[in-house]
Amino acid sequence: MRTRFIGTVEVGAIGYGAMPLSIEGRPDEAQAISTVHAALDAGITLLDTADSYHWHAQEIGHNEELLARALRGYGADRSRVLVATKGGRGRPGDGSWTIDGRPEHLRRACEGSLRRLGVEAIGLYQLHHPDRNVPWAESVGAVAGLLDEGKVRAVGISNADAGQIREAHRILGPGRLVSVQNEFSPAVRGGEAEIRVCEELGLAYLPWGPLGGIGVAGGLGQEHAAFREVAERHGVSPQRVCLAWLLAKSPAIVPIPGARRPETVRDSAAAAELQLDAEEFALLDGKPGA
């Protein structure tokens, strides 16, 4: 697989978002682990998780523990795998999400993630969401402290706007903030400013929900019919075209599509080798004839 960089770490150009393996509608564990192994076999080396990726209130860290078991059971080399986790959100068990950016909570969350992942230091630790009840500088300062203590090797932020990205970069200092994980997809394209800031600052941009608007079964709304058109030209799925489009948008982008089945994650991984021409990219980008 082609590669890109998150900080100084080289990863496959397509990552894997493991959340679907642990939330509502999750597969059984055998299928879940087979999906993770299929991702690794396909050349994916970035695995994205969070302590809040679980279903029931009493199973905090379900996804982290699942990934740890999958990695322990993987028979091939996993030395290049980067596990990225997040702290700062919660799930009470009723389907809702909470936000907690207090420094004391983030420290406890990191300690829990270290224990569940079974590592001495987390490869990439991401502040999951700004908390409007906590000054942004305090939350960012907390993860900076985790970096200083060697509990994490690199820091990222998630769901942050352009101003928050710049402030986090200033607080952490050169080379210490490496990534931004925001929503971006055919259906949600409001993050162009944040992508540009990431390019300027040398940060990776990890779009979550990258297949939004494409549909889990390949069904597309009329406004996204261009993805079906290009997919038919190449004889591939619209989802694969969508991920190739994201890669073509910026060298900073490393998409992290989710999957519940091995065949789905293999299809996503193949997007790294799909090349779009200028006309196809313009069509998908909403600028036909550009």
Protein backbone atom coordinates (compact mmCIF):
# COMPACT_ATOMS: atom_id res chain seq x y z
CA MET A 1 0.00 0.00 0.00
CA ARG A 2 1.10 3.57 -0.65
CA THR A 3 2.03 5.38 2.54
CA ARG A 4 1.68 8.76 4.22
CA PHE A 5 3.06 10.26 7.41
CA ILE A 6 1.57 11.07 10.80
CA GLY A 7 4.35 13.07 12.37
CA THR A 8 7.46 10.99 11.79
CA VAL A 9 5.54 7.69 11.60
CA GLU A 10 4.89 6.23 8.15
CA VAL A 11 1.48 4.59 7.84
CA GLY A 12 -0.62 3.07 5.09
CA ALA A 13 -2.50 5.75 3.16
CA ILE A 14 -5.80 4.20 4.27
CA GLY A 15 -6.39 3.65 7.97
CA TYR A 16 -9.10 1.71 9.78
CA GLY A 17 -11.66 3.09 12.20
CA ALA A 18 -12.53 0.25 14.58
CA MET A 19 -15.57 1.85 16.25
CA PRO A 20 -18.19 -0.31 14.39
CA LEU A 21 -16.74 -3.39 16.09
CA SER A 22 -17.89 -2.25 19.52
CA ILE A 23 -20.98 -0.04 19.28
CA GLU A 24 -24.62 -0.87 18.50
CA GLY A 25 -24.92 -3.43 15.71
CA ARG A 26 -21.44 -4.79 16.34
CA PRO A 27 -20.43 -8.22 15.01
CA ASP A 28 -19.45 -11.15 17.17
CA GLU A 29 -15.86 -11.23 18.36
CA ALA A 30 -14.66 -13.80 15.82
CA GLN A 31 -15.85 -11.64 12.93
CA ALA A 32 -14.48 -8.51 14.57
CA ILE A 33 -11.01 -9.98 14.97
CA SER A 34 -11.11 -11.36 11.42
CA THR A 35 -11.89 -7.84 10.21
CA VAL A 36 -8.90 -6.35 12.06
CA HIS A 37 -6.64 -9.08 10.69
CA ALA A 38 -7.95 -8.48 7.17
CA ALA A 39 -7.10 -4.78 7.55
CA LEU A 40 -3.54 -5.62 8.59
CA ASP A 41 -3.16 -8.18 5.79
CA ALA A 42 -4.26 -5.51 3.29
CA GLY A 43 -1.49 -3.14 4.36
CA ILE A 44 -3.42 -0.93 6.79
CA THR A 45 -1.15 0.10 9.66
CA LEU A 46 -3.21 2.85 11.37
CA LEU A 47 -5.90 1.51 13.71
CA ASP A 48 -8.15 4.15 15.27
CA THR A 49 -10.03 3.56 18.52
CA ALA A 50 -11.19 5.39 21.67
CA ASP A 51 -12.08 4.55 25.25
CA SER A 52 -15.67 5.62 24.50
CA TYR A 53 -16.15 3.18 21.62
CA HIS A 54 -18.49 0.81 23.41
CA TRP A 55 -22.19 0.05 23.66
CA HIS A 56 -23.18 -0.51 27.28
CA ALA A 57 -22.27 1.80 30.14
CA GLN A 58 -20.22 -0.79 32.03
CA GLU A 59 -17.90 -1.70 29.14
CA ILE A 60 -15.68 1.39 28.81
CA GLY A 61 -12.71 0.57 26.59
CA HIS A 62 -14.40 -2.37 24.83
CA ASN A 63 -12.87 -1.39 21.49
CA GLU A 64 -9.39 -0.88 22.90
CA GLU A 65 -9.44 -4.29 24.55
CA LEU A 66 -10.74 -5.89 21.36
CA LEU A 67 -7.94 -4.36 19.30
CA ALA A 68 -5.36 -5.49 21.84
CA ARG A 69 -6.63 -9.08 21.59
CA ALA A 70 -6.68 -8.90 17.79
CA LEU A 71 -3.10 -7.66 17.67
CA ARG A 72 -1.87 -10.30 20.11
CA GLY A 73 -3.47 -12.98 17.95
CA TYR A 74 -2.09 -11.68 14.67
CA GLY A 75 0.48 -14.11 13.34
CA ALA A 76 2.42 -11.75 11.06
CA ASP A 77 4.63 -8.74 11.74
CA ARG A 78 2.81 -5.91 13.52
CA SER A 79 5.82 -3.72 14.31
CA ARG A 80 4.63 -0.97 11.95
CA VAL A 81 1.12 -0.78 13.38
CA LEU A 82 0.18 2.56 14.92
CA VAL A 83 -2.72 2.37 17.37
CA ALA A 84 -4.41 5.74 17.85
CA THR A 85 -6.82 6.12 20.74
CA LYS A 86 -8.74 9.04 22.21
CA GLY A 87 -9.90 10.35 25.55
CA GLY A 88 -12.38 13.02 26.54
CA ARG A 89 -15.75 11.55 25.61
CA GLY A 90 -18.09 9.07 27.25
CA ARG A 91 -21.13 6.91 26.50
CA PRO A 92 -23.63 6.50 29.35
CA GLY A 93 -25.21 3.49 27.63
CA ASP A 94 -28.36 5.19 26.33
CA GLY A 95 -26.90 5.96 22.89
CA SER A 96 -25.79 9.47 23.83
CA TRP A 97 -22.28 10.91 23.99
CA THR A 98 -20.80 13.09 26.72
CA ILE A 99 -17.74 15.37 26.73
CA ASP A 100 -15.21 15.73 29.54
CA GLY A 101 -12.06 17.72 28.82
CA ARG A 102 -10.98 18.22 32.43
CA PRO A 103 -7.26 17.55 32.91
CA GLU A 104 -7.92 15.08 35.73
CA HIS A 105 -10.34 13.12 33.55
CA LEU A 106 -7.91 13.02 30.61
CA ARG A 107 -5.14 11.71 32.86
CA ARG A 108 -7.40 8.93 34.20
CA ALA A 109 -8.58 8.15 30.66
CA CYS A 110 -5.02 7.82 29.39
CA GLU A 111 -4.06 5.51 32.26
CA GLY A 112 -7.05 3.32 31.48
CA SER A 113 -6.17 3.20 27.78
CA LEU A 114 -2.57 2.25 28.56
CA ARG A 115 -3.79 -0.64 30.70
CA ARG A 116 -6.35 -1.91 28.19
CA LEU A 117 -4.01 -1.67 25.21
CA GLY A 118 -1.23 -3.33 27.20
CA VAL A 119 1.45 -0.82 26.17
CA GLU A 120 3.97 1.35 27.99
CA ALA A 121 3.23 4.33 25.76
CA ILE A 122 0.32 5.06 23.39
CA GLY A 123 1.45 5.62 19.81
CA LEU A 124 -1.02 8.46 19.13
CA TYR A 125 -3.26 9.93 21.82
CA GLN A 126 -6.02 12.25 20.66
CA LEU A 127 -8.10 14.75 22.60
CA HIS A 128 -11.54 13.57 21.52
CA HIS A 129 -13.58 16.79 21.62
CA PRO A 130 -13.31 20.37 22.88
CA ASP A 131 -15.22 20.82 26.12
CA ARG A 132 -16.99 24.19 26.27
CA ASN A 133 -16.90 24.00 30.06
CA VAL A 134 -13.11 23.69 30.18
CA PRO A 135 -10.65 26.16 28.66
CA TRP A 136 -9.15 24.61 25.53
CA ALA A 137 -5.65 25.48 26.75
CA GLU A 138 -6.21 23.41 29.91
CA SER A 139 -7.32 20.32 28.00
CA VAL A 140 -4.47 20.62 25.51
CA GLY A 141 -2.04 21.25 28.35
CA ALA A 142 -3.14 18.01 29.96
CA VAL A 143 -2.27 15.92 26.92
CA ALA A 144 0.98 17.88 26.58
CA GLY A 145 1.80 16.68 30.11
CA LEU A 146 1.13 13.08 29.08
CA LEU A 147 3.56 13.55 26.21
CA ASP A 148 6.20 15.05 28.52
CA GLU A 149 5.85 12.07 30.86
CA GLY A 150 6.31 9.55 28.04
CA LYS A 151 2.85 8.05 28.45
CA VAL A 152 2.07 8.92 24.83
CA ARG A 153 4.43 9.21 21.86
CA ALA A 154 2.43 11.74 19.83
CA VAL A 155 -0.63 13.93 20.28
CA GLY A 156 -3.64 14.62 18.08
CA ILE A 157 -6.88 16.54 18.47
CA SER A 158 -10.36 15.76 17.18
CA ASN A 159 -13.44 17.80 16.27
CA ALA A 160 -11.44 21.03 16.40
CA ASP A 161 -11.86 24.16 14.31
CA ALA A 162 -9.05 26.05 12.60
CA GLY A 163 -8.47 28.38 15.54
CA GLN A 164 -8.32 25.51 18.01
CA ILE A 165 -5.86 23.66 15.78
CA ARG A 166 -3.55 26.69 15.72
CA GLU A 167 -3.83 27.18 19.48
CA ALA A 168 -3.09 23.51 20.19
CA HIS A 169 -0.10 23.66 17.86
CA ARG A 170 1.21 26.74 19.71
CA ILE A 171 0.70 25.19 23.16
CA LEU A 172 2.30 21.88 22.29
CA GLY A 173 5.19 23.32 20.31
CA PRO A 174 6.81 22.30 17.02
CA GLY A 175 6.54 18.63 16.08
CA ARG A 176 4.42 17.64 19.08
CA LEU A 177 0.93 17.97 17.57
CA VAL A 178 0.80 15.56 14.64
CA SER A 179 -2.84 15.05 13.63
CA VAL A 180 -6.39 16.38 13.48
CA GLN A 181 -9.36 14.00 13.30
CA ASN A 182 -12.50 15.76 12.05
CA GLU A 183 -15.55 14.68 10.11
CA PHE A 184 -15.21 15.03 6.33
CA SER A 185 -17.03 13.16 3.56
CA PRO A 186 -19.09 13.67 0.40
CA ALA A 187 -21.99 14.68 2.65
CA VAL A 188 -19.97 16.82 5.10
CA ARG A 189 -17.51 19.09 3.33
CA GLY A 190 -17.23 21.93 5.82
CA GLY A 191 -13.68 21.13 6.88
CA GLU A 192 -11.75 22.62 3.97
CA ALA A 193 -10.29 25.40 6.17
CA GLU A 194 -9.05 22.84 8.69
CA ILE A 195 -7.46 20.75 5.94
CA ARG A 196 -5.57 23.82 4.73
CA VAL A 197 -4.34 24.58 8.26
CA CYS A 198 -3.10 20.99 8.57
CA GLU A 199 -1.21 21.32 5.31
CA GLU A 200 0.34 24.58 6.50
CA LEU A 201 1.40 23.18 9.88
CA GLY A 202 2.51 19.76 8.61
CA LEU A 203 -0.25 17.84 10.38
CA ALA A 204 -2.06 14.72 9.21
CA TYR A 205 -5.81 15.12 8.68
CA LEU A 206 -7.74 11.95 9.59
CA PRO A 207 -11.32 12.31 8.33
CA TRP A 208 -13.80 10.33 10.38
CA GLY A 209 -17.01 9.17 8.76
CA PRO A 210 -15.30 9.45 5.35
CA LEU A 211 -18.00 7.48 3.52
CA GLY A 212 -20.86 9.70 4.68
CA GLY A 213 -23.31 10.25 1.85
CA ILE A 214 -22.19 7.13 0.02
CA GLY A 215 -24.36 4.65 1.91
CA VAL A 216 -23.39 1.39 3.55
CA ALA A 217 -24.95 -0.66 0.77
CA GLY A 218 -23.64 1.46 -2.08
CA GLY A 219 -26.84 3.48 -2.45
CA LEU A 220 -26.22 7.10 -3.41
CA GLY A 221 -28.37 10.17 -3.31
CA GLN A 222 -28.69 12.11 -6.54
CA GLU A 223 -26.24 14.72 -5.29
CA HIS A 224 -23.56 12.03 -5.00
CA ALA A 225 -24.29 10.18 -8.23
CA ALA A 226 -20.86 11.24 -9.53
CA PHE A 227 -19.27 8.66 -7.25
CA ARG A 228 -21.34 5.91 -8.86
CA GLU A 229 -20.46 7.20 -12.33
CA VAL A 230 -16.72 7.13 -11.64
CA ALA A 231 -17.01 3.77 -9.89
CA GLU A 232 -18.64 2.27 -12.97
CA ARG A 233 -15.81 3.57 -15.14
CA HIS A 234 -13.25 1.77 -12.98
CA GLY A 235 -15.32 -1.30 -12.16
CA VAL A 236 -15.02 -0.70 -8.41
CA SER A 237 -17.33 0.30 -5.55
CA PRO A 238 -18.42 3.91 -4.94
CA GLN A 239 -16.89 3.59 -1.48
CA ARG A 240 -13.48 2.89 -3.00
CA VAL A 241 -13.84 5.90 -5.28
CA CYS A 242 -14.80 8.06 -2.30
CA LEU A 243 -11.62 7.16 -0.41
CA ALA A 244 -9.49 7.71 -3.52
CA TRP A 245 -11.10 11.15 -3.86
CA LEU A 246 -10.15 12.00 -0.30
CA LEU A 247 -6.56 10.92 -0.87
CA ALA A 248 -6.43 13.09 -3.99
CA LYS A 249 -7.72 16.14 -2.11
CA SER A 250 -4.63 16.58 0.02
CA PRO A 251 -1.36 14.80 0.86
CA ALA A 252 -2.24 15.44 4.51
CA ILE A 253 -5.33 13.20 4.43
CA VAL A 254 -5.34 9.65 5.82
CA PRO A 255 -8.97 8.41 5.78
CA ILE A 256 -10.11 6.04 8.55
CA PRO A 257 -13.19 4.22 7.19
CA GLY A 258 -14.93 1.80 9.49
CA ALA A 259 -15.94 -1.76 8.66
CA ARG A 260 -17.65 -4.70 10.33
CA ARG A 261 -16.64 -7.32 7.74
CA PRO A 262 -13.29 -8.41 6.26
CA GLU A 263 -14.47 -7.90 2.67
CA THR A 264 -15.44 -4.31 3.42
CA VAL A 265 -12.10 -3.38 4.92
CA ARG A 266 -10.27 -5.03 2.01
CA ASP A 267 -12.28 -2.93 -0.43
CA SER A 268 -11.39 0.23 1.50
CA ALA A 269 -7.70 -0.65 1.57
CA ALA A 270 -7.67 -1.05 -2.22
CA ALA A 271 -8.54 2.65 -2.58
CA ALA A 272 -4.91 3.49 -1.90
CA GLU A 273 -4.03 2.19 -5.37
CA LEU A 274 -6.94 3.77 -7.26
CA GLN A 275 -5.77 6.74 -9.32
CA LEU A 276 -8.32 9.35 -10.41
CA ASP A 277 -7.62 11.60 -13.38
CA ALA A 278 -8.10 15.36 -13.19
CA GLU A 279 -11.53 15.28 -14.80
CA GLU A 280 -12.78 12.60 -12.43
CA PHE A 281 -11.46 14.44 -9.39
CA ALA A 282 -13.10 17.69 -10.49
CA LEU A 283 -16.41 15.89 -11.02
CA LEU A 284 -16.31 14.34 -7.55
CA ASP A 285 -15.15 17.58 -5.99
CA GLY A 286 -18.18 19.38 -7.38
CA LYS A 287 -16.17 21.35 -9.93
CA PRO A 288 -16.84 19.68 -13.29
CA GLY A 289 -14.99 21.28 -16.13
CA ALA A 290 -12.46 22.90 -13.80
